[in-house]
Amino acid sequence: MGPVELALFAFAVGLTTGGLTGSAMELMAGRRLAFVEPYVSPAHILRSLAATACAGPFMLANDALEARRQGRITTLALISCGCTAVAWALALGVVLIAIASWATGLLGSADFPA
């Protein structure tokens, strides 16, 4: 695979993971995904960090779209948030692929009894 295909694959992995995580969180909480309670809370730092890392691109997109509807940000700021969400999804995909590669390397190097 070339570098373009790898980048597209990493983006697809990040987008899929973020979408699945965000949808599951919305179903469990019954609220729209955003950088607010119950998803992000100072009382639960590690849970908030994990939720933001995995579903952050969609949290950002939802908050930016809501701010645009309310007239709090300009169209240019909305586009900037969209570019940031795309970069975030790509970075998430790269991290997840690296973790999966490392984990399969550990499993492949183990000597299992026959």
C-alpha atoms as a PDB file:
ATOM      1  CA  MET A   1       0.000   0.000   0.000  1.00  0.00           C
ATOM      2  CA  GLY A   2       1.202   3.467  -0.839  1.00  0.00           C
ATOM      3  CA  PRO A   3       1.203   6.441   1.501  1.00  0.00           C
ATOM      4  CA  VAL A   4      -2.092   7.804   0.157  1.00  0.00           C
ATOM      5  CA  GLU A   5      -3.882   4.500   0.692  1.00  0.00           C
ATOM      6  CA  LEU A   6      -2.420   4.201   4.189  1.00  0.00           C
ATOM      7  CA  ALA A   7      -3.604   7.701   5.080  1.00  0.00           C
ATOM      8  CA  LEU A   8      -7.085   6.981   3.714  1.00  0.00           C
ATOM      9  CA  PHE A   9      -7.207   3.692   5.625  1.00  0.00           C
ATOM     10  CA  ALA A  10      -6.125   5.423   8.852  1.00  0.00           C
ATOM     11  CA  PHE A  11      -8.780   8.105   8.297  1.00  0.00           C
ATOM     12  CA  ALA A  12     -11.443   5.439   7.713  1.00  0.00           C
ATOM     13  CA  VAL A  13     -10.392   3.578  10.881  1.00  0.00           C
ATOM     14  CA  GLY A  14     -10.523   6.784  12.945  1.00  0.00           C
ATOM     15  CA  LEU A  15     -13.858   7.855  11.478  1.00  0.00           C
ATOM     16  CA  THR A  16     -15.405   4.426  12.022  1.00  0.00           C
ATOM     17  CA  THR A  17     -14.131   4.149  15.589  1.00  0.00           C
ATOM     18  CA  GLY A  18     -15.277   7.650  16.439  1.00  0.00           C
ATOM     19  CA  GLY A  19     -18.683   7.066  14.881  1.00  0.00           C
ATOM     20  CA  LEU A  20     -19.274   3.782  16.638  1.00  0.00           C
ATOM     21  CA  THR A  21     -18.062   5.130  19.974  1.00  0.00           C
ATOM     22  CA  GLY A  22     -20.078   8.325  19.642  1.00  0.00           C
ATOM     23  CA  SER A  23     -23.246   6.502  18.632  1.00  0.00           C
ATOM     24  CA  ALA A  24     -22.913   4.087  21.539  1.00  0.00           C
ATOM     25  CA  MET A  25     -22.374   6.976  23.949  1.00  0.00           C
ATOM     26  CA  GLU A  26     -25.423   8.823  22.581  1.00  0.00           C
ATOM     27  CA  LEU A  27     -27.567   5.708  22.922  1.00  0.00           C
ATOM     28  CA  MET A  28     -26.461   5.104  26.503  1.00  0.00           C
ATOM     29  CA  ALA A  29     -26.818   8.718  27.644  1.00  0.00           C
ATOM     30  CA  GLY A  30     -29.858   9.649  25.560  1.00  0.00           C
ATOM     31  CA  ARG A  31     -28.339  13.038  24.697  1.00  0.00           C
ATOM     32  CA  ARG A  32     -26.619  14.577  21.707  1.00  0.00           C
ATOM     33  CA  LEU A  33     -22.836  14.079  21.734  1.00  0.00           C
ATOM     34  CA  ALA A  34     -20.960  17.215  22.858  1.00  0.00           C
ATOM     35  CA  PHE A  35     -18.207  18.449  25.163  1.00  0.00           C
ATOM     36  CA  VAL A  36     -20.637  18.616  28.111  1.00  0.00           C
ATOM     37  CA  GLU A  37     -21.917  16.409  30.927  1.00  0.00           C
ATOM     38  CA  PRO A  38     -22.339  13.393  30.971  1.00  0.00           C
ATOM     39  CA  TYR A  39     -19.627  12.849  28.342  1.00  0.00           C
ATOM     40  CA  VAL A  40     -16.978  15.195  29.757  1.00  0.00           C
ATOM     41  CA  SER A  41     -16.836  15.719  33.505  1.00  0.00           C
ATOM     42  CA  PRO A  42     -14.171  17.038  35.868  1.00  0.00           C
ATOM     43  CA  ALA A  43     -15.265  14.383  38.350  1.00  0.00           C
ATOM     44  CA  HIS A  44     -14.293  11.571  35.944  1.00  0.00           C
ATOM     45  CA  ILE A  45     -11.064  12.669  34.293  1.00  0.00           C
ATOM     46  CA  LEU A  46      -9.976   9.324  32.796  1.00  0.00           C
ATOM     47  CA  ARG A  47     -13.438   8.512  31.446  1.00  0.00           C
ATOM     48  CA  SER A  48     -13.682  11.998  29.949  1.00  0.00           C
ATOM     49  CA  LEU A  49     -10.251  11.666  28.378  1.00  0.00           C
ATOM     50  CA  ALA A  50     -11.097   8.303  26.800  1.00  0.00           C
ATOM     51  CA  ALA A  51     -14.457   9.558  25.533  1.00  0.00           C
ATOM     52  CA  THR A  52     -12.896  12.681  24.070  1.00  0.00           C
ATOM     53  CA  ALA A  53     -10.040  10.775  22.458  1.00  0.00           C
ATOM     54  CA  CYS A  54     -12.360   8.299  20.748  1.00  0.00           C
ATOM     55  CA  ALA A  55     -15.447  10.382  19.944  1.00  0.00           C
ATOM     56  CA  GLY A  56     -13.834  13.826  19.923  1.00  0.00           C
ATOM     57  CA  PRO A  57     -14.151  14.513  16.185  1.00  0.00           C
ATOM     58  CA  PHE A  58     -17.897  14.043  16.378  1.00  0.00           C
ATOM     59  CA  MET A  59     -18.157  16.043  19.614  1.00  0.00           C
ATOM     60  CA  LEU A  60     -16.322  18.889  17.901  1.00  0.00           C
ATOM     61  CA  ALA A  61     -18.474  18.683  14.778  1.00  0.00           C
ATOM     62  CA  ASN A  62     -21.714  18.664  16.790  1.00  0.00           C
ATOM     63  CA  ASP A  63     -20.633  21.623  18.925  1.00  0.00           C
ATOM     64  CA  ALA A  64     -19.467  23.586  15.875  1.00  0.00           C
ATOM     65  CA  LEU A  65     -22.706  22.956  13.983  1.00  0.00           C
ATOM     66  CA  GLU A  66     -24.759  24.006  17.013  1.00  0.00           C
ATOM     67  CA  ALA A  67     -22.680  27.166  17.445  1.00  0.00           C
ATOM     68  CA  ARG A  68     -23.148  28.007  13.753  1.00  0.00           C
ATOM     69  CA  ARG A  69     -26.926  27.512  14.014  1.00  0.00           C
ATOM     70  CA  GLN A  70     -26.970  29.917  16.962  1.00  0.00           C
ATOM     71  CA  GLY A  71     -24.790  32.425  15.094  1.00  0.00           C
ATOM     72  CA  ARG A  72     -21.937  32.252  17.603  1.00  0.00           C
ATOM     73  CA  ILE A  73     -19.301  31.349  14.975  1.00  0.00           C
ATOM     74  CA  THR A  74     -18.767  32.243  11.336  1.00  0.00           C
ATOM     75  CA  THR A  75     -18.788  29.899   8.379  1.00  0.00           C
ATOM     76  CA  LEU A  76     -14.998  30.145   8.216  1.00  0.00           C
ATOM     77  CA  ALA A  77     -14.760  28.993  11.847  1.00  0.00           C
ATOM     78  CA  LEU A  78     -17.124  26.108  11.038  1.00  0.00           C
ATOM     79  CA  ILE A  79     -14.875  25.052   8.154  1.00  0.00           C
ATOM     80  CA  SER A  80     -11.856  25.296  10.463  1.00  0.00           C
ATOM     81  CA  CYS A  81     -13.580  23.029  12.993  1.00  0.00           C
ATOM     82  CA  GLY A  82     -14.382  20.587  10.193  1.00  0.00           C
ATOM     83  CA  CYS A  83     -10.729  20.462   9.115  1.00  0.00           C
ATOM     84  CA  THR A  84      -9.703  19.918  12.726  1.00  0.00           C
ATOM     85  CA  ALA A  85     -12.212  17.062  13.086  1.00  0.00           C
ATOM     86  CA  VAL A  86     -10.811  15.421   9.931  1.00  0.00           C
ATOM     87  CA  ALA A  87      -7.243  15.723  11.241  1.00  0.00           C
ATOM     88  CA  TRP A  88      -8.376  14.363  14.620  1.00  0.00           C
ATOM     89  CA  ALA A  89     -10.020  11.337  12.970  1.00  0.00           C
ATOM     90  CA  LEU A  90      -6.842  10.705  10.959  1.00  0.00           C
ATOM     91  CA  ALA A  91      -4.681  10.913  14.093  1.00  0.00           C
ATOM     92  CA  LEU A  92      -7.056   8.583  15.954  1.00  0.00           C
ATOM     93  CA  GLY A  93      -6.809   6.079  13.103  1.00  0.00           C
ATOM     94  CA  VAL A  94      -3.014   6.222  13.088  1.00  0.00           C
ATOM     95  CA  VAL A  95      -2.887   5.604  16.849  1.00  0.00           C
ATOM     96  CA  LEU A  96      -5.352   2.705  16.661  1.00  0.00           C
ATOM     97  CA  ILE A  97      -3.493   1.075  13.760  1.00  0.00           C
ATOM     98  CA  ALA A  98      -0.213   1.429  15.664  1.00  0.00           C
ATOM     99  CA  ILE A  99      -1.762  -0.163  18.757  1.00  0.00           C
ATOM    100  CA  ALA A 100      -3.231  -3.003  16.686  1.00  0.00           C
ATOM    101  CA  SER A 101       0.095  -3.560  14.923  1.00  0.00           C
ATOM    102  CA  TRP A 102       1.950  -3.630  18.230  1.00  0.00           C
ATOM    103  CA  ALA A 103      -0.592  -6.024  19.771  1.00  0.00           C
ATOM    104  CA  THR A 104      -0.484  -8.441  16.836  1.00  0.00           C
ATOM    105  CA  GLY A 105       3.311  -8.312  16.924  1.00  0.00           C
ATOM    106  CA  LEU A 106       3.196  -9.410  20.552  1.00  0.00           C
ATOM    107  CA  LEU A 107       0.812 -12.232  19.736  1.00  0.00           C
ATOM    108  CA  GLY A 108       2.794 -13.341  16.711  1.00  0.00           C
ATOM    109  CA  SER A 109       6.091 -13.519  18.597  1.00  0.00           C
ATOM    110  CA  ALA A 110       4.749 -15.677  21.424  1.00  0.00           C
ATOM    111  CA  ASP A 111       5.736 -19.326  21.413  1.00  0.00           C
ATOM    112  CA  PHE A 112       2.600 -21.339  21.897  1.00  0.00           C
ATOM    113  CA  PRO A 113       2.836 -25.037  22.677  1.00  0.00           C
ATOM    114  CA  ALA A 114       1.814 -27.253  19.783  1.00  0.00           C
END
